[in-house]
Amino acid sequence: MLGREKVDAVLRDAEHPSVSPNERALFTFVRKAGTSSWKVTREDLDALRALGWDDDALYDAISVIALFKFYNTWIDSTGVRDLPSAAYGMMARRMATAGYVPLES
């Protein structure tokens, strides 16, 4: 199972059979870091490293969690309207083909 089908399955059930044990461990960590970051320990990170997650992957996961929490708090507190889902689809297609910043030829 790949792509959108897997994402939808995981969103319905993070324990879905298509999720590897390594991914389950990362999702468990993400849940903990997102809801109780003060409880994250060195042992949590060491356990993920032992499963093959490197520091770059852990840094990325933690950064995504932190940024989503920041943006959600900022949007909720300022009353700024979120983009319609179609706009996210258009941005995703652009980033998938051109990246974040289009490179000049």
PDB file of N, CA and C in Angstrom:
ATOM      1  N   MET A   1       0.861  -1.167   0.000  1.00  0.00           N
ATOM      2  CA  MET A   1       0.000   0.000   0.000  1.00  0.00           C
ATOM      3  C   MET A   1       0.908   1.231   0.000  1.00  0.00           C
ATOM      4  N   LEU A   2       0.660   2.141  -0.929  1.00  0.00           N
ATOM      5  CA  LEU A   2       1.498   3.326  -1.052  1.00  0.00           C
ATOM      6  C   LEU A   2       0.648   4.582  -1.165  1.00  0.00           C
ATOM      7  N   GLY A   3       1.305   5.696  -1.018  1.00  0.00           N
ATOM      8  CA  GLY A   3       0.697   6.980  -1.292  1.00  0.00           C
ATOM      9  C   GLY A   3      -0.511   7.309  -0.453  1.00  0.00           C
ATOM     10  N   ARG A   4      -1.477   7.928  -1.121  1.00  0.00           N
ATOM     11  CA  ARG A   4      -2.662   8.447  -0.441  1.00  0.00           C
ATOM     12  C   ARG A   4      -3.447   7.349   0.263  1.00  0.00           C
ATOM     13  N   GLU A   5      -3.505   6.175  -0.340  1.00  0.00           N
ATOM     14  CA  GLU A   5      -4.239   5.051   0.271  1.00  0.00           C
ATOM     15  C   GLU A   5      -3.653   4.712   1.643  1.00  0.00           C
ATOM     16  N   LYS A   6      -2.327   4.695   1.744  1.00  0.00           N
ATOM     17  CA  LYS A   6      -1.684   4.385   3.020  1.00  0.00           C
ATOM     18  C   LYS A   6      -1.923   5.511   4.028  1.00  0.00           C
ATOM     19  N   VAL A   7      -1.800   6.747   3.578  1.00  0.00           N
ATOM     20  CA  VAL A   7      -2.029   7.883   4.478  1.00  0.00           C
ATOM     21  C   VAL A   7      -3.443   7.815   5.045  1.00  0.00           C
ATOM     22  N   ASP A   8      -4.429   7.583   4.185  1.00  0.00           N
ATOM     23  CA  ASP A   8      -5.811   7.492   4.657  1.00  0.00           C
ATOM     24  C   ASP A   8      -5.989   6.349   5.654  1.00  0.00           C
ATOM     25  N   ALA A   9      -5.355   5.200   5.377  1.00  0.00           N
ATOM     26  CA  ALA A   9      -5.458   4.054   6.287  1.00  0.00           C
ATOM     27  C   ALA A   9      -4.843   4.385   7.639  1.00  0.00           C
ATOM     28  N   VAL A  10      -3.703   5.048   7.642  1.00  0.00           N
ATOM     29  CA  VAL A  10      -3.016   5.389   8.898  1.00  0.00           C
ATOM     30  C   VAL A  10      -3.810   6.432   9.678  1.00  0.00           C
ATOM     31  N   LEU A  11      -4.407   7.388   8.965  1.00  0.00           N
ATOM     32  CA  LEU A  11      -5.219   8.386   9.659  1.00  0.00           C
ATOM     33  C   LEU A  11      -6.424   7.748  10.345  1.00  0.00           C
ATOM     34  N   ARG A  12      -6.957   6.692   9.739  1.00  0.00           N
ATOM     35  CA  ARG A  12      -8.075   5.973  10.362  1.00  0.00           C
ATOM     36  C   ARG A  12      -7.587   5.107  11.521  1.00  0.00           C
ATOM     37  N   ASP A  13      -6.373   4.534  11.370  1.00  0.00           N
ATOM     38  CA  ASP A  13      -5.868   3.588  12.369  1.00  0.00           C
ATOM     39  C   ASP A  13      -4.353   3.513  12.280  1.00  0.00           C
ATOM     40  N   ALA A  14      -3.649   4.154  13.226  1.00  0.00           N
ATOM     41  CA  ALA A  14      -2.182   4.166  13.205  1.00  0.00           C
ATOM     42  C   ALA A  14      -1.594   2.775  13.401  1.00  0.00           C
ATOM     43  N   GLU A  15      -2.416   1.827  13.825  1.00  0.00           N
ATOM     44  CA  GLU A  15      -1.961   0.443  13.998  1.00  0.00           C
ATOM     45  C   GLU A  15      -2.303  -0.407  12.769  1.00  0.00           C
ATOM     46  N   HIS A  16      -2.676   0.231  11.668  1.00  0.00           N
ATOM     47  CA  HIS A  16      -3.067  -0.467  10.441  1.00  0.00           C
ATOM     48  C   HIS A  16      -1.956  -1.445  10.029  1.00  0.00           C
ATOM     49  N   PRO A  17      -2.324  -2.616   9.499  1.00  0.00           N
ATOM     50  CA  PRO A  17      -1.314  -3.618   9.120  1.00  0.00           C
ATOM     51  C   PRO A  17      -0.288  -3.122   8.109  1.00  0.00           C
ATOM     52  N   SER A  18      -0.618  -2.099   7.335  1.00  0.00           N
ATOM     53  CA  SER A  18       0.349  -1.586   6.356  1.00  0.00           C
ATOM     54  C   SER A  18       1.457  -0.774   7.017  1.00  0.00           C
ATOM     55  N   VAL A  19       1.303  -0.475   8.302  1.00  0.00           N
ATOM     56  CA  VAL A  19       2.292   0.321   9.029  1.00  0.00           C
ATOM     57  C   VAL A  19       3.331  -0.617   9.634  1.00  0.00           C
ATOM     58  N   SER A  20       4.572  -0.365   9.303  1.00  0.00           N
ATOM     59  CA  SER A  20       5.647  -1.206   9.830  1.00  0.00           C
ATOM     60  C   SER A  20       5.853  -0.946  11.322  1.00  0.00           C
ATOM     61  N   PRO A  21       6.485  -1.877  12.021  1.00  0.00           N
ATOM     62  CA  PRO A  21       6.782  -1.638  13.445  1.00  0.00           C
ATOM     63  C   PRO A  21       7.607  -0.368  13.653  1.00  0.00           C
ATOM     64  N   ASN A  22       8.528  -0.073  12.737  1.00  0.00           N
ATOM     65  CA  ASN A  22       9.337   1.147  12.868  1.00  0.00           C
ATOM     66  C   ASN A  22       8.471   2.396  12.739  1.00  0.00           C
ATOM     67  N   GLU A  23       7.521   2.368  11.794  1.00  0.00           N
ATOM     68  CA  GLU A  23       6.617   3.506  11.631  1.00  0.00           C
ATOM     69  C   GLU A  23       5.705   3.643  12.846  1.00  0.00           C
ATOM     70  N   ARG A  24       5.218   2.523  13.364  1.00  0.00           N
ATOM     71  CA  ARG A  24       4.361   2.581  14.569  1.00  0.00           C
ATOM     72  C   ARG A  24       5.102   3.239  15.724  1.00  0.00           C
ATOM     73  N   ALA A  25       6.365   2.875  15.879  1.00  0.00           N
ATOM     74  CA  ALA A  25       7.167   3.466  16.961  1.00  0.00           C
ATOM     75  C   ALA A  25       7.299   4.974  16.761  1.00  0.00           C
ATOM     76  N   LEU A  26       7.525   5.381  15.523  1.00  0.00           N
ATOM     77  CA  LEU A  26       7.642   6.817  15.246  1.00  0.00           C
ATOM     78  C   LEU A  26       6.310   7.520  15.498  1.00  0.00           C
ATOM     79  N   PHE A  27       5.189   6.927  15.077  1.00  0.00           N
ATOM     80  CA  PHE A  27       3.880   7.531  15.307  1.00  0.00           C
ATOM     81  C   PHE A  27       3.578   7.642  16.797  1.00  0.00           C
ATOM     82  N   THR A  28       3.971   6.644  17.566  1.00  0.00           N
ATOM     83  CA  THR A  28       3.778   6.690  19.020  1.00  0.00           C
ATOM     84  C   THR A  28       4.583   7.842  19.608  1.00  0.00           C
ATOM     85  N   PHE A  29       5.821   7.996  19.137  1.00  0.00           N
ATOM     86  CA  PHE A  29       6.658   9.105  19.594  1.00  0.00           C
ATOM     87  C   PHE A  29       6.041  10.447  19.209  1.00  0.00           C
ATOM     88  N   VAL A  30       5.572  10.557  17.965  1.00  0.00           N
ATOM     89  CA  VAL A  30       4.972  11.803  17.487  1.00  0.00           C
ATOM     90  C   VAL A  30       3.768  12.166  18.348  1.00  0.00           C
ATOM     91  N   ARG A  31       2.947  11.177  18.674  1.00  0.00           N
ATOM     92  CA  ARG A  31       1.778  11.427  19.538  1.00  0.00           C
ATOM     93  C   ARG A  31       2.247  11.953  20.896  1.00  0.00           C
ATOM     94  N   LYS A  32       3.260  11.313  21.476  1.00  0.00           N
ATOM     95  CA  LYS A  32       3.762  11.743  22.784  1.00  0.00           C
ATOM     96  C   LYS A  32       4.358  13.144  22.707  1.00  0.00           C
ATOM     97  N   ALA A  33       5.183  13.392  21.704  1.00  0.00           N
ATOM     98  CA  ALA A  33       5.823  14.701  21.570  1.00  0.00           C
ATOM     99  C   ALA A  33       4.786  15.790  21.301  1.00  0.00           C
ATOM    100  N   GLY A  34       3.729  15.445  20.580  1.00  0.00           N
ATOM    101  CA  GLY A  34       2.707  16.431  20.257  1.00  0.00           C
ATOM    102  C   GLY A  34       1.762  16.747  21.396  1.00  0.00           C
ATOM    103  N   THR A  35       1.576  15.809  22.309  1.00  0.00           N
ATOM    104  CA  THR A  35       0.626  16.024  23.401  1.00  0.00           C
ATOM    105  C   THR A  35       1.290  16.217  24.763  1.00  0.00           C
ATOM    106  N   SER A  36       2.495  15.671  24.933  1.00  0.00           N
ATOM    107  CA  SER A  36       3.181  15.725  26.238  1.00  0.00           C
ATOM    108  C   SER A  36       4.685  15.869  26.037  1.00  0.00           C
ATOM    109  N   SER A  37       5.089  16.892  25.326  1.00  0.00           N
ATOM    110  CA  SER A  37       6.507  17.024  24.959  1.00  0.00           C
ATOM    111  C   SER A  37       7.446  17.029  26.166  1.00  0.00           C
ATOM    112  N   TRP A  38       6.969  17.506  27.290  1.00  0.00           N
ATOM    113  CA  TRP A  38       7.803  17.534  28.496  1.00  0.00           C
ATOM    114  C   TRP A  38       8.110  16.131  29.018  1.00  0.00           C
ATOM    115  N   LYS A  39       7.411  15.131  28.510  1.00  0.00           N
ATOM    116  CA  LYS A  39       7.654  13.760  28.941  1.00  0.00           C
ATOM    117  C   LYS A  39       8.594  12.996  28.001  1.00  0.00           C
ATOM    118  N   VAL A  40       9.015  13.622  26.904  1.00  0.00           N
ATOM    119  CA  VAL A  40       9.938  12.967  25.972  1.00  0.00           C
ATOM    120  C   VAL A  40      11.295  12.836  26.649  1.00  0.00           C
ATOM    121  N   THR A  41      11.856  11.641  26.569  1.00  0.00           N
ATOM    122  CA  THR A  41      13.131  11.367  27.225  1.00  0.00           C
ATOM    123  C   THR A  41      14.194  10.953  26.202  1.00  0.00           C
ATOM    124  N   ARG A  42      15.415  10.935  26.657  1.00  0.00           N
ATOM    125  CA  ARG A  42      16.521  10.442  25.825  1.00  0.00           C
ATOM    126  C   ARG A  42      16.251   8.995  25.421  1.00  0.00           C
ATOM    127  N   GLU A  43      15.645   8.238  26.323  1.00  0.00           N
ATOM    128  CA  GLU A  43      15.334   6.836  26.027  1.00  0.00           C
ATOM    129  C   GLU A  43      14.354   6.707  24.863  1.00  0.00           C
ATOM    130  N   ASP A  44      13.393   7.636  24.775  1.00  0.00           N
ATOM    131  CA  ASP A  44      12.460   7.626  23.643  1.00  0.00           C
ATOM    132  C   ASP A  44      13.212   7.763  22.323  1.00  0.00           C
ATOM    133  N   LEU A  45      14.140   8.711  22.294  1.00  0.00           N
ATOM    134  CA  LEU A  45      14.913   8.950  21.079  1.00  0.00           C
ATOM    135  C   LEU A  45      15.871   7.798  20.801  1.00  0.00           C
ATOM    136  N   ASP A  46      16.502   7.275  21.834  1.00  0.00           N
ATOM    137  CA  ASP A  46      17.416   6.145  21.648  1.00  0.00           C
ATOM    138  C   ASP A  46      16.688   4.921  21.105  1.00  0.00           C
ATOM    139  N   ALA A  47      15.459   4.703  21.559  1.00  0.00           N
ATOM    140  CA  ALA A  47      14.680   3.560  21.063  1.00  0.00           C
ATOM    141  C   ALA A  47      14.392   3.719  19.573  1.00  0.00           C
ATOM    142  N   LEU A  48      14.088   4.940  19.144  1.00  0.00           N
ATOM    143  CA  LEU A  48      13.851   5.174  17.715  1.00  0.00           C
ATOM    144  C   LEU A  48      15.128   5.005  16.908  1.00  0.00           C
ATOM    145  N   ARG A  49      16.232   5.478  17.452  1.00  0.00           N
ATOM    146  CA  ARG A  49      17.519   5.291  16.755  1.00  0.00           C
ATOM    147  C   ARG A  49      17.840   3.810  16.604  1.00  0.00           C
ATOM    148  N   ALA A  50      17.527   3.035  17.624  1.00  0.00           N
ATOM    149  CA  ALA A  50      17.796   1.590  17.572  1.00  0.00           C
ATOM    150  C   ALA A  50      16.959   0.912  16.484  1.00  0.00           C
ATOM    151  N   LEU A  51      15.841   1.521  16.119  1.00  0.00           N
ATOM    152  CA  LEU A  51      14.995   0.977  15.055  1.00  0.00           C
ATOM    153  C   LEU A  51      15.405   1.484  13.671  1.00  0.00           C
ATOM    154  N   GLY A  52      16.432   2.337  13.637  1.00  0.00           N
ATOM    155  CA  GLY A  52      16.938   2.804  12.350  1.00  0.00           C
ATOM    156  C   GLY A  52      16.616   4.243  12.000  1.00  0.00           C
ATOM    157  N   TRP A  53      15.871   4.936  12.851  1.00  0.00           N
ATOM    158  CA  TRP A  53      15.593   6.348  12.581  1.00  0.00           C
ATOM    159  C   TRP A  53      16.834   7.158  12.923  1.00  0.00           C
ATOM    160  N   ASP A  54      17.315   7.960  11.982  1.00  0.00           N
ATOM    161  CA  ASP A  54      18.511   8.751  12.256  1.00  0.00           C
ATOM    162  C   ASP A  54      18.120  10.124  12.821  1.00  0.00           C
ATOM    163  N   ASP A  55      19.133  10.868  13.240  1.00  0.00           N
ATOM    164  CA  ASP A  55      18.867  12.161  13.876  1.00  0.00           C
ATOM    165  C   ASP A  55      18.175  13.136  12.931  1.00  0.00           C
ATOM    166  N   ASP A  56      18.470  13.068  11.631  1.00  0.00           N
ATOM    167  CA  ASP A  56      17.794  13.951  10.676  1.00  0.00           C
ATOM    168  C   ASP A  56      16.295  13.665  10.651  1.00  0.00           C
ATOM    169  N   ALA A  57      15.916  12.395  10.627  1.00  0.00           N
ATOM    170  CA  ALA A  57      14.500  12.026  10.610  1.00  0.00           C
ATOM    171  C   ALA A  57      13.815  12.461  11.901  1.00  0.00           C
ATOM    172  N   LEU A  58      14.487  12.272  13.025  1.00  0.00           N
ATOM    173  CA  LEU A  58      13.903  12.680  14.309  1.00  0.00           C
ATOM    174  C   LEU A  58      13.762  14.198  14.383  1.00  0.00           C
ATOM    175  N   TYR A  59      14.778  14.908  13.907  1.00  0.00           N
ATOM    176  CA  TYR A  59      14.719  16.368  13.874  1.00  0.00           C
ATOM    177  C   TYR A  59      13.540  16.822  13.008  1.00  0.00           C
ATOM    178  N   ASP A  60      13.379  16.198  11.843  1.00  0.00           N
ATOM    179  CA  ASP A  60      12.266  16.557  10.959  1.00  0.00           C
ATOM    180  C   ASP A  60      10.922  16.301  11.635  1.00  0.00           C
ATOM    181  N   ALA A  61      10.777  15.150  12.273  1.00  0.00           N
ATOM    182  CA  ALA A  61       9.510  14.818  12.941  1.00  0.00           C
ATOM    183  C   ALA A  61       9.203  15.830  14.040  1.00  0.00           C
ATOM    184  N   ILE A  62      10.181  16.140  14.851  1.00  0.00           N
ATOM    185  CA  ILE A  62       9.983  17.091  15.945  1.00  0.00           C
ATOM    186  C   ILE A  62       9.682  18.484  15.397  1.00  0.00           C
ATOM    187  N   SER A  63      10.360  18.878  14.337  1.00  0.00           N
ATOM    188  CA  SER A  63      10.116  20.195  13.732  1.00  0.00           C
ATOM    189  C   SER A  63       8.701  20.293  13.177  1.00  0.00           C
ATOM    190  N   VAL A  64       8.239  19.253  12.516  1.00  0.00           N
ATOM    191  CA  VAL A  64       6.875  19.266  11.969  1.00  0.00           C
ATOM    192  C   VAL A  64       5.857  19.381  13.095  1.00  0.00           C
ATOM    193  N   ILE A  65       6.055  18.616  14.163  1.00  0.00           N
ATOM    194  CA  ILE A  65       5.148  18.689  15.313  1.00  0.00           C
ATOM    195  C   ILE A  65       5.120  20.110  15.872  1.00  0.00           C
ATOM    196  N   ALA A  66       6.291  20.671  16.109  1.00  0.00           N
ATOM    197  CA  ALA A  66       6.385  22.006  16.702  1.00  0.00           C
ATOM    198  C   ALA A  66       5.765  23.066  15.799  1.00  0.00           C
ATOM    199  N   LEU A  67       6.028  22.986  14.505  1.00  0.00           N
ATOM    200  CA  LEU A  67       5.484  23.989  13.594  1.00  0.00           C
ATOM    201  C   LEU A  67       3.969  23.890  13.475  1.00  0.00           C
ATOM    202  N   PHE A  68       3.437  22.673  13.411  1.00  0.00           N
ATOM    203  CA  PHE A  68       1.989  22.538  13.357  1.00  0.00           C
ATOM    204  C   PHE A  68       1.349  23.084  14.621  1.00  0.00           C
ATOM    205  N   LYS A  69       1.942  22.805  15.765  1.00  0.00           N
ATOM    206  CA  LYS A  69       1.387  23.330  17.019  1.00  0.00           C
ATOM    207  C   LYS A  69       1.440  24.857  17.024  1.00  0.00           C
ATOM    208  N   PHE A  70       2.567  25.410  16.568  1.00  0.00           N
ATOM    209  CA  PHE A  70       2.710  26.860  16.505  1.00  0.00           C
ATOM    210  C   PHE A  70       1.668  27.472  15.586  1.00  0.00           C
ATOM    211  N   TYR A  71       1.583  26.960  14.359  1.00  0.00           N
ATOM    212  CA  TYR A  71       0.648  27.534  13.390  1.00  0.00           C
ATOM    213  C   TYR A  71      -0.799  27.374  13.829  1.00  0.00           C
ATOM    214  N   ASN A  72      -1.146  26.237  14.387  1.00  0.00           N
ATOM    215  CA  ASN A  72      -2.522  26.054  14.856  1.00  0.00           C
ATOM    216  C   ASN A  72      -2.856  27.032  15.975  1.00  0.00           C
ATOM    217  N   THR A  73      -1.928  27.232  16.904  1.00  0.00           N
ATOM    218  CA  THR A  73      -2.138  28.197  17.985  1.00  0.00           C
ATOM    219  C   THR A  73      -2.256  29.604  17.421  1.00  0.00           C
ATOM    220  N   TRP A  74      -1.383  29.944  16.493  1.00  0.00           N
ATOM    221  CA  TRP A  74      -1.393  31.282  15.907  1.00  0.00           C
ATOM    222  C   TRP A  74      -2.690  31.533  15.150  1.00  0.00           C
ATOM    223  N   ILE A  75      -3.097  30.578  14.325  1.00  0.00           N
ATOM    224  CA  ILE A  75      -4.329  30.721  13.549  1.00  0.00           C
ATOM    225  C   ILE A  75      -5.537  30.809  14.476  1.00  0.00           C
ATOM    226  N   ASP A  76      -5.600  29.919  15.454  1.00  0.00           N
ATOM    227  CA  ASP A  76      -6.743  29.930  16.376  1.00  0.00           C
ATOM    228  C   ASP A  76      -6.816  31.230  17.171  1.00  0.00           C
ATOM    229  N   SER A  77      -5.672  31.728  17.603  1.00  0.00           N
ATOM    230  CA  SER A  77      -5.646  32.904  18.473  1.00  0.00           C
ATOM    231  C   SER A  77      -5.840  34.216  17.734  1.00  0.00           C
ATOM    232  N   THR A  78      -5.451  34.282  16.477  1.00  0.00           N
ATOM    233  CA  THR A  78      -5.569  35.534  15.735  1.00  0.00           C
ATOM    234  C   THR A  78      -6.842  35.625  14.917  1.00  0.00           C
ATOM    235  N   GLY A  79      -7.503  34.502  14.726  1.00  0.00           N
ATOM    236  CA  GLY A  79      -8.713  34.504  13.912  1.00  0.00           C
ATOM    237  C   GLY A  79      -8.437  34.462  12.423  1.00  0.00           C
ATOM    238  N   VAL A  80      -7.186  34.273  12.046  1.00  0.00           N
ATOM    239  CA  VAL A  80      -6.846  34.159  10.628  1.00  0.00           C
ATOM    240  C   VAL A  80      -7.534  32.923  10.074  1.00  0.00           C
ATOM    241  N   ARG A  81      -8.113  33.063   8.913  1.00  0.00           N
ATOM    242  CA  ARG A  81      -8.814  31.954   8.291  1.00  0.00           C
ATOM    243  C   ARG A  81      -7.821  30.997   7.641  1.00  0.00           C
ATOM    244  N   ASP A  82      -8.089  29.738   7.788  1.00  0.00           N
ATOM    245  CA  ASP A  82      -7.305  28.698   7.136  1.00  0.00           C
ATOM    246  C   ASP A  82      -7.627  28.717   5.646  1.00  0.00           C
ATOM    247  N   LEU A  83      -6.723  28.178   4.832  1.00  0.00           N
ATOM    248  CA  LEU A  83      -6.968  28.074   3.398  1.00  0.00           C
ATOM    249  C   LEU A  83      -7.985  26.978   3.115  1.00  0.00           C
ATOM    250  N   PRO A  84      -8.754  27.124   2.048  1.00  0.00           N
ATOM    251  CA  PRO A  84      -9.654  26.028   1.668  1.00  0.00           C
ATOM    252  C   PRO A  84      -8.825  24.821   1.219  1.00  0.00           C
ATOM    253  N   SER A  85      -9.386  23.634   1.354  1.00  0.00           N
ATOM    254  CA  SER A  85      -8.622  22.423   1.035  1.00  0.00           C
ATOM    255  C   SER A  85      -8.143  22.415  -0.410  1.00  0.00           C
ATOM    256  N   ALA A  86      -8.888  23.005  -1.340  1.00  0.00           N
ATOM    257  CA  ALA A  86      -8.456  23.046  -2.744  1.00  0.00           C
ATOM    258  C   ALA A  86      -7.143  23.810  -2.890  1.00  0.00           C
ATOM    259  N   ALA A  87      -6.954  24.861  -2.085  1.00  0.00           N
ATOM    260  CA  ALA A  87      -5.709  25.628  -2.153  1.00  0.00           C
ATOM    261  C   ALA A  87      -4.527  24.771  -1.711  1.00  0.00           C
ATOM    262  N   TYR A  88      -4.718  23.939  -0.681  1.00  0.00           N
ATOM    263  CA  TYR A  88      -3.640  23.043  -0.257  1.00  0.00           C
ATOM    264  C   TYR A  88      -3.296  22.047  -1.362  1.00  0.00           C
ATOM    265  N   GLY A  89      -4.316  21.561  -2.065  1.00  0.00           N
ATOM    266  CA  GLY A  89      -4.079  20.647  -3.178  1.00  0.00           C
ATOM    267  C   GLY A  89      -3.254  21.294  -4.275  1.00  0.00           C
ATOM    268  N   MET A  90      -3.578  22.554  -4.599  1.00  0.00           N
ATOM    269  CA  MET A  90      -2.821  23.271  -5.628  1.00  0.00           C
ATOM    270  C   MET A  90      -1.377  23.489  -5.179  1.00  0.00           C
ATOM    271  N   MET A  91      -1.185  23.872  -3.925  1.00  0.00           N
ATOM    272  CA  MET A  91       0.181  24.078  -3.420  1.00  0.00           C
ATOM    273  C   MET A  91       0.961  22.778  -3.419  1.00  0.00           C
ATOM    274  N   ALA A  92       0.315  21.678  -3.051  1.00  0.00           N
ATOM    275  CA  ALA A  92       0.999  20.386  -3.023  1.00  0.00           C
ATOM    276  C   ALA A  92       1.452  19.988  -4.417  1.00  0.00           C
ATOM    277  N   ARG A  93       0.588  20.178  -5.415  1.00  0.00           N
ATOM    278  CA  ARG A  93       0.977  19.849  -6.786  1.00  0.00           C
ATOM    279  C   ARG A  93       2.155  20.714  -7.240  1.00  0.00           C
ATOM    280  N   ARG A  94       2.125  22.002  -6.907  1.00  0.00           N
ATOM    281  CA  ARG A  94       3.219  22.895  -7.289  1.00  0.00           C
ATOM    282  C   ARG A  94       4.519  22.467  -6.626  1.00  0.00           C
ATOM    283  N   MET A  95       4.463  22.166  -5.321  1.00  0.00           N
ATOM    284  CA  MET A  95       5.679  21.771  -4.610  1.00  0.00           C
ATOM    285  C   MET A  95       6.199  20.427  -5.098  1.00  0.00           C
ATOM    286  N   ALA A  96       5.298  19.527  -5.468  1.00  0.00           N
ATOM    287  CA  ALA A  96       5.721  18.212  -5.956  1.00  0.00           C
ATOM    288  C   ALA A  96       6.444  18.327  -7.291  1.00  0.00           C
ATOM    289  N   THR A  97       6.090  19.315  -8.088  1.00  0.00           N
ATOM    290  CA  THR A  97       6.719  19.445  -9.398  1.00  0.00           C
ATOM    291  C   THR A  97       7.838  20.478  -9.423  1.00  0.00           C
ATOM    292  N   ALA A  98       7.710  21.537  -8.624  1.00  0.00           N
ATOM    293  CA  ALA A  98       8.693  22.623  -8.686  1.00  0.00           C
ATOM    294  C   ALA A  98       9.475  22.814  -7.395  1.00  0.00           C
ATOM    295  N   GLY A  99       9.099  22.140  -6.330  1.00  0.00           N
ATOM    296  CA  GLY A  99       9.766  22.330  -5.053  1.00  0.00           C
ATOM    297  C   GLY A  99       9.215  23.558  -4.333  1.00  0.00           C
ATOM    298  N   TYR A 100       9.827  23.907  -3.223  1.00  0.00           N
ATOM    299  CA  TYR A 100       9.359  25.056  -2.450  1.00  0.00           C
ATOM    300  C   TYR A 100       9.633  26.361  -3.185  1.00  0.00           C
ATOM    301  N   VAL A 101      10.796  26.448  -3.776  1.00  0.00           N
ATOM    302  CA  VAL A 101      11.188  27.651  -4.497  1.00  0.00           C
ATOM    303  C   VAL A 101      11.589  27.227  -5.904  1.00  0.00           C
ATOM    304  N   PRO A 102      10.858  27.681  -6.911  1.00  0.00           N
ATOM    305  CA  PRO A 102      11.229  27.285  -8.269  1.00  0.00           C
ATOM    306  C   PRO A 102      12.659  27.741  -8.589  1.00  0.00           C
ATOM    307  N   LEU A 103      13.424  26.838  -9.184  1.00  0.00           N
ATOM    308  CA  LEU A 103      14.785  27.154  -9.560  1.00  0.00           C
ATOM    309  C   LEU A 103      14.784  27.841 -10.914  1.00  0.00           C
ATOM    310  N   GLU A 104      15.596  28.883 -11.011  1.00  0.00           N
ATOM    311  CA  GLU A 104      15.701  29.570 -12.301  1.00  0.00           C
ATOM    312  C   GLU A 104      16.581  28.770 -13.216  1.00  0.00           C
ATOM    313  N   SER A 105      16.254  28.780 -14.498  1.00  0.00           N
ATOM    314  CA  SER A 105      17.048  28.038 -15.492  1.00  0.00           C
ATOM    315  C   SER A 105      18.312  28.769 -15.820  1.00  0.00           C
TER     316      SER A 105
END
